[in-house]
Amino acid sequence: MGAQSVPRPITVEEYERIPDPPGGRYELHHGEVVFVARPVKQHKELQRRLRRMLETKSDAEGYIADTEFPYRPLPENEVWGGDVACVSGARYQATNKWLEGSSELVIEVKSPSDTKAEMHDRAMTTLAGAGGVEFWIIDAETATVLVHRKASGMRVYSADEAIPLPMFDSQIVLSDLFAGL
């Protein structure tokens, strides 16, 4: 039996030459091109609500809140997009194409196709690089948010709770986030 070759991870430079496909975009995860479908209405609604909630808190503190925010959590073979992100104004201004490292806060709205392993990998990769402080996973189906904090681990918040935002000395009230969904 002959030796089999293992495909090598592609580089960010190679990734940049790949056009986005119809119906979504590509990200680069650990050197592998990953298709990300366009979000459905509920997903977009949660992104919009989170962005609005964060903008009111972040603007006064010199942060930028945005959706579909591109970042490179680790320096090699990674180009990701956060559903919602908050990044310091200074880091945002220094960004040319993609943020080097992770946003201080990255939020993912869980899609039905997302596996627990994929979400865990996203959280760990995001927090492993420079900049990342918190990674949230919003689950509309269960009305919960799993918060990974670099400094203190994980915690699940439910719809009757508020998630503290230490960077803004504020909080996000989950009943407001999930209202009417």
C-alpha atoms as a PDB file:
ATOM      1  CA  MET A   1       0.000   0.000   0.000  1.00  0.00           C
ATOM      2  CA  GLY A   2       1.397   3.383  -0.978  1.00  0.00           C
ATOM      3  CA  ALA A   3       1.806   6.329   1.310  1.00  0.00           C
ATOM      4  CA  GLN A   4      -1.025   8.807   1.350  1.00  0.00           C
ATOM      5  CA  SER A   5      -0.385  12.489   1.390  1.00  0.00           C
ATOM      6  CA  VAL A   6      -2.174  14.770   3.785  1.00  0.00           C
ATOM      7  CA  PRO A   7      -3.287  18.075   2.280  1.00  0.00           C
ATOM      8  CA  ARG A   8      -1.388  21.006   3.732  1.00  0.00           C
ATOM      9  CA  PRO A   9      -3.224  23.928   5.282  1.00  0.00           C
ATOM     10  CA  ILE A  10      -3.678  26.835   2.919  1.00  0.00           C
ATOM     11  CA  THR A  11      -2.192  30.199   3.758  1.00  0.00           C
ATOM     12  CA  VAL A  12      -3.989  33.489   4.214  1.00  0.00           C
ATOM     13  CA  GLU A  13      -2.397  34.664   0.957  1.00  0.00           C
ATOM     14  CA  GLU A  14      -3.920  31.681  -0.893  1.00  0.00           C
ATOM     15  CA  TYR A  15      -7.261  32.232   0.849  1.00  0.00           C
ATOM     16  CA  GLU A  16      -7.365  35.841  -0.363  1.00  0.00           C
ATOM     17  CA  ARG A  17      -7.433  34.629  -3.973  1.00  0.00           C
ATOM     18  CA  ILE A  18     -10.564  32.480  -3.504  1.00  0.00           C
ATOM     19  CA  PRO A  19     -13.771  34.275  -4.552  1.00  0.00           C
ATOM     20  CA  ASP A  20     -16.761  33.997  -2.233  1.00  0.00           C
ATOM     21  CA  PRO A  21     -19.397  31.548  -3.461  1.00  0.00           C
ATOM     22  CA  PRO A  22     -23.059  32.297  -4.134  1.00  0.00           C
ATOM     23  CA  GLY A  23     -25.177  32.110  -0.983  1.00  0.00           C
ATOM     24  CA  GLY A  24     -22.465  32.892   1.540  1.00  0.00           C
ATOM     25  CA  ARG A  25     -18.782  33.438   2.154  1.00  0.00           C
ATOM     26  CA  TYR A  26     -15.675  31.498   3.027  1.00  0.00           C
ATOM     27  CA  GLU A  27     -13.648  31.657   6.223  1.00  0.00           C
ATOM     28  CA  LEU A  28     -10.269  30.113   6.898  1.00  0.00           C
ATOM     29  CA  HIS A  29     -10.204  27.825   9.958  1.00  0.00           C
ATOM     30  CA  HIS A  30      -6.897  26.166  10.778  1.00  0.00           C
ATOM     31  CA  GLY A  31      -5.873  26.350   7.122  1.00  0.00           C
ATOM     32  CA  GLU A  32      -9.113  24.818   5.855  1.00  0.00           C
ATOM     33  CA  VAL A  33     -11.600  26.769   3.737  1.00  0.00           C
ATOM     34  CA  VAL A  34     -15.020  26.679   5.423  1.00  0.00           C
ATOM     35  CA  PHE A  35     -18.280  27.754   3.766  1.00  0.00           C
ATOM     36  CA  VAL A  36     -20.487  30.055   5.892  1.00  0.00           C
ATOM     37  CA  ALA A  37     -24.074  30.402   4.651  1.00  0.00           C
ATOM     38  CA  ARG A  38     -25.894  33.710   4.741  1.00  0.00           C
ATOM     39  CA  PRO A  39     -27.890  34.038   7.943  1.00  0.00           C
ATOM     40  CA  VAL A  40     -31.669  33.632   8.135  1.00  0.00           C
ATOM     41  CA  LYS A  41     -34.030  36.309   9.499  1.00  0.00           C
ATOM     42  CA  GLN A  42     -33.951  35.318  13.205  1.00  0.00           C
ATOM     43  CA  HIS A  43     -30.164  35.129  13.119  1.00  0.00           C
ATOM     44  CA  LYS A  44     -29.944  38.615  11.559  1.00  0.00           C
ATOM     45  CA  GLU A  45     -32.482  39.973  14.046  1.00  0.00           C
ATOM     46  CA  LEU A  46     -30.361  38.790  16.972  1.00  0.00           C
ATOM     47  CA  GLN A  47     -27.261  40.296  15.362  1.00  0.00           C
ATOM     48  CA  ARG A  48     -29.061  43.611  14.868  1.00  0.00           C
ATOM     49  CA  ARG A  49     -30.363  43.702  18.458  1.00  0.00           C
ATOM     50  CA  LEU A  50     -26.980  42.855  19.919  1.00  0.00           C
ATOM     51  CA  ARG A  51     -25.247  45.452  17.811  1.00  0.00           C
ATOM     52  CA  ARG A  52     -27.697  48.143  18.909  1.00  0.00           C
ATOM     53  CA  MET A  53     -27.399  47.153  22.578  1.00  0.00           C
ATOM     54  CA  LEU A  54     -23.609  47.183  22.374  1.00  0.00           C
ATOM     55  CA  GLU A  55     -23.366  50.424  20.395  1.00  0.00           C
ATOM     56  CA  THR A  56     -25.072  52.403  23.128  1.00  0.00           C
ATOM     57  CA  LYS A  57     -22.545  51.080  25.641  1.00  0.00           C
ATOM     58  CA  SER A  58     -19.407  50.909  23.508  1.00  0.00           C
ATOM     59  CA  ASP A  59     -19.402  54.291  21.766  1.00  0.00           C
ATOM     60  CA  ALA A  60     -18.952  56.162  25.055  1.00  0.00           C
ATOM     61  CA  GLU A  61     -16.026  53.911  25.996  1.00  0.00           C
ATOM     62  CA  GLY A  62     -14.130  54.222  22.707  1.00  0.00           C
ATOM     63  CA  TYR A  63     -15.145  50.834  21.272  1.00  0.00           C
ATOM     64  CA  ILE A  64     -16.672  49.898  17.923  1.00  0.00           C
ATOM     65  CA  ALA A  65     -19.571  47.418  17.777  1.00  0.00           C
ATOM     66  CA  ASP A  66     -20.224  45.774  14.427  1.00  0.00           C
ATOM     67  CA  THR A  67     -21.697  42.699  12.735  1.00  0.00           C
ATOM     68  CA  GLU A  68     -19.949  40.215  10.433  1.00  0.00           C
ATOM     69  CA  PHE A  69     -16.648  41.527  11.767  1.00  0.00           C
ATOM     70  CA  PRO A  70     -13.522  39.969  10.152  1.00  0.00           C
ATOM     71  CA  TYR A  71     -10.603  38.997  12.384  1.00  0.00           C
ATOM     72  CA  ARG A  72      -7.546  36.757  12.475  1.00  0.00           C
ATOM     73  CA  PRO A  73      -7.584  35.085  15.900  1.00  0.00           C
ATOM     74  CA  LEU A  74      -4.174  33.484  15.345  1.00  0.00           C
ATOM     75  CA  PRO A  75      -1.451  34.758  13.017  1.00  0.00           C
ATOM     76  CA  GLU A  76      -1.296  31.749  10.693  1.00  0.00           C
ATOM     77  CA  ASN A  77      -3.993  30.133   8.565  1.00  0.00           C
ATOM     78  CA  GLU A  78      -6.980  31.890  10.169  1.00  0.00           C
ATOM     79  CA  VAL A  79      -9.534  34.409   8.868  1.00  0.00           C
ATOM     80  CA  TRP A  80     -12.842  34.354  10.747  1.00  0.00           C
ATOM     81  CA  GLY A  81     -15.935  36.524  10.930  1.00  0.00           C
ATOM     82  CA  GLY A  82     -17.742  37.255  14.184  1.00  0.00           C
ATOM     83  CA  ASP A  83     -21.533  37.580  13.993  1.00  0.00           C
ATOM     84  CA  VAL A  84     -21.198  40.534  16.382  1.00  0.00           C
ATOM     85  CA  ALA A  85     -18.019  42.024  17.817  1.00  0.00           C
ATOM     86  CA  CYS A  86     -16.740  44.838  19.995  1.00  0.00           C
ATOM     87  CA  VAL A  87     -13.208  46.066  19.414  1.00  0.00           C
ATOM     88  CA  SER A  88     -11.341  49.011  20.873  1.00  0.00           C
ATOM     89  CA  GLY A  89     -11.322  52.073  18.657  1.00  0.00           C
ATOM     90  CA  ALA A  90      -7.509  52.125  18.578  1.00  0.00           C
ATOM     91  CA  ARG A  91      -7.287  48.513  17.366  1.00  0.00           C
ATOM     92  CA  TYR A  92     -10.066  49.135  14.848  1.00  0.00           C
ATOM     93  CA  GLN A  93      -8.276  52.201  13.420  1.00  0.00           C
ATOM     94  CA  ALA A  94      -5.023  50.218  13.121  1.00  0.00           C
ATOM     95  CA  THR A  95      -6.778  47.522  11.065  1.00  0.00           C
ATOM     96  CA  ASN A  96      -5.989  47.445   7.376  1.00  0.00           C
ATOM     97  CA  LYS A  97      -7.914  44.435   6.066  1.00  0.00           C
ATOM     98  CA  TRP A  98      -8.663  42.155   9.008  1.00  0.00           C
ATOM     99  CA  LEU A  99      -8.195  42.709  12.698  1.00  0.00           C
ATOM    100  CA  GLU A 100      -4.981  41.060  13.892  1.00  0.00           C
ATOM    101  CA  GLY A 101      -6.000  38.909  16.834  1.00  0.00           C
ATOM    102  CA  SER A 102      -9.577  38.723  18.077  1.00  0.00           C
ATOM    103  CA  SER A 103     -12.005  41.442  19.005  1.00  0.00           C
ATOM    104  CA  GLU A 104     -12.238  41.952  22.741  1.00  0.00           C
ATOM    105  CA  LEU A 105     -15.799  40.580  22.565  1.00  0.00           C
ATOM    106  CA  VAL A 106     -16.909  38.129  19.877  1.00  0.00           C
ATOM    107  CA  ILE A 107     -20.500  36.879  19.746  1.00  0.00           C
ATOM    108  CA  GLU A 108     -21.750  33.988  17.642  1.00  0.00           C
ATOM    109  CA  VAL A 109     -25.448  33.347  17.063  1.00  0.00           C
ATOM    110  CA  LYS A 110     -25.802  29.565  16.970  1.00  0.00           C
ATOM    111  CA  SER A 111     -27.177  28.148  13.737  1.00  0.00           C
ATOM    112  CA  PRO A 112     -28.944  24.772  13.564  1.00  0.00           C
ATOM    113  CA  SER A 113     -25.971  23.318  11.665  1.00  0.00           C
ATOM    114  CA  ASP A 114     -23.405  24.394  14.301  1.00  0.00           C
ATOM    115  CA  THR A 115     -22.084  21.525  16.388  1.00  0.00           C
ATOM    116  CA  LYS A 116     -20.985  21.751  20.003  1.00  0.00           C
ATOM    117  CA  ALA A 117     -17.428  20.841  18.916  1.00  0.00           C
ATOM    118  CA  GLU A 118     -17.367  23.612  16.278  1.00  0.00           C
ATOM    119  CA  MET A 119     -18.606  26.218  18.745  1.00  0.00           C
ATOM    120  CA  HIS A 120     -16.068  25.095  21.352  1.00  0.00           C
ATOM    121  CA  ASP A 121     -13.274  25.329  18.754  1.00  0.00           C
ATOM    122  CA  ARG A 122     -14.429  28.828  17.784  1.00  0.00           C
ATOM    123  CA  ALA A 123     -14.413  29.941  21.402  1.00  0.00           C
ATOM    124  CA  MET A 124     -11.004  28.453  22.203  1.00  0.00           C
ATOM    125  CA  THR A 125      -9.369  29.728  18.996  1.00  0.00           C
ATOM    126  CA  THR A 126     -10.849  33.208  19.457  1.00  0.00           C
ATOM    127  CA  LEU A 127      -9.651  33.448  23.059  1.00  0.00           C
ATOM    128  CA  ALA A 128      -6.229  31.916  22.316  1.00  0.00           C
ATOM    129  CA  GLY A 129      -5.062  34.864  20.262  1.00  0.00           C
ATOM    130  CA  ALA A 130      -4.286  38.433  21.173  1.00  0.00           C
ATOM    131  CA  GLY A 131      -7.148  40.744  22.089  1.00  0.00           C
ATOM    132  CA  GLY A 132      -9.931  38.251  22.820  1.00  0.00           C
ATOM    133  CA  VAL A 133     -11.461  38.594  26.287  1.00  0.00           C
ATOM    134  CA  GLU A 134     -14.976  37.122  25.919  1.00  0.00           C
ATOM    135  CA  PHE A 135     -16.720  34.809  23.474  1.00  0.00           C
ATOM    136  CA  TRP A 136     -20.508  34.382  23.626  1.00  0.00           C
ATOM    137  CA  ILE A 137     -22.683  31.733  21.981  1.00  0.00           C
ATOM    138  CA  ILE A 138     -26.302  32.878  21.618  1.00  0.00           C
ATOM    139  CA  ASP A 139     -28.813  30.015  21.408  1.00  0.00           C
ATOM    140  CA  ALA A 140     -32.234  31.358  20.386  1.00  0.00           C
ATOM    141  CA  GLU A 141     -33.791  27.897  20.608  1.00  0.00           C
ATOM    142  CA  THR A 142     -33.076  27.616  24.356  1.00  0.00           C
ATOM    143  CA  ALA A 143     -32.959  31.385  25.058  1.00  0.00           C
ATOM    144  CA  THR A 144     -29.538  30.976  26.650  1.00  0.00           C
ATOM    145  CA  VAL A 145     -26.084  32.462  26.223  1.00  0.00           C
ATOM    146  CA  LEU A 146     -22.896  30.516  26.929  1.00  0.00           C
ATOM    147  CA  VAL A 147     -20.195  32.997  27.893  1.00  0.00           C
ATOM    148  CA  HIS A 148     -16.514  32.011  27.724  1.00  0.00           C
ATOM    149  CA  ARG A 149     -14.293  34.453  29.607  1.00  0.00           C
ATOM    150  CA  LYS A 150     -10.545  34.300  29.217  1.00  0.00           C
ATOM    151  CA  ALA A 151     -10.027  35.218  32.869  1.00  0.00           C
ATOM    152  CA  SER A 152     -12.752  33.208  34.587  1.00  0.00           C
ATOM    153  CA  GLY A 153     -14.019  30.311  32.459  1.00  0.00           C
ATOM    154  CA  MET A 154     -17.552  29.547  31.262  1.00  0.00           C
ATOM    155  CA  ARG A 155     -21.047  30.325  32.448  1.00  0.00           C
ATOM    156  CA  VAL A 156     -24.515  29.835  30.958  1.00  0.00           C
ATOM    157  CA  TYR A 157     -27.001  32.703  31.289  1.00  0.00           C
ATOM    158  CA  SER A 158     -30.729  32.201  30.769  1.00  0.00           C
ATOM    159  CA  ALA A 159     -33.415  34.597  29.547  1.00  0.00           C
ATOM    160  CA  ASP A 160     -34.260  35.911  33.013  1.00  0.00           C
ATOM    161  CA  GLU A 161     -30.673  37.031  33.702  1.00  0.00           C
ATOM    162  CA  ALA A 162     -28.319  39.785  32.600  1.00  0.00           C
ATOM    163  CA  ILE A 163     -24.791  39.258  31.290  1.00  0.00           C
ATOM    164  CA  PRO A 164     -22.277  41.627  32.853  1.00  0.00           C
ATOM    165  CA  LEU A 165     -20.126  43.664  30.479  1.00  0.00           C
ATOM    166  CA  PRO A 166     -17.119  44.574  32.640  1.00  0.00           C
ATOM    167  CA  MET A 167     -15.428  46.454  29.781  1.00  0.00           C
ATOM    168  CA  PHE A 168     -18.323  48.946  29.837  1.00  0.00           C
ATOM    169  CA  ASP A 169     -19.359  48.656  33.495  1.00  0.00           C
ATOM    170  CA  SER A 170     -22.759  47.615  32.164  1.00  0.00           C
ATOM    171  CA  GLN A 171     -24.839  44.559  31.257  1.00  0.00           C
ATOM    172  CA  ILE A 172     -27.038  43.016  28.550  1.00  0.00           C
ATOM    173  CA  VAL A 173     -30.507  41.983  29.782  1.00  0.00           C
ATOM    174  CA  LEU A 174     -31.393  38.754  28.019  1.00  0.00           C
ATOM    175  CA  SER A 175     -35.156  39.167  28.293  1.00  0.00           C
ATOM    176  CA  ASP A 176     -34.701  42.274  26.103  1.00  0.00           C
ATOM    177  CA  LEU A 177     -32.550  40.362  23.637  1.00  0.00           C
ATOM    178  CA  PHE A 178     -34.935  37.425  23.222  1.00  0.00           C
ATOM    179  CA  ALA A 179     -38.240  39.371  23.449  1.00  0.00           C
ATOM    180  CA  GLY A 180     -40.627  38.481  20.641  1.00  0.00           C
ATOM    181  CA  LEU A 181     -38.427  35.889  18.936  1.00  0.00           C
END
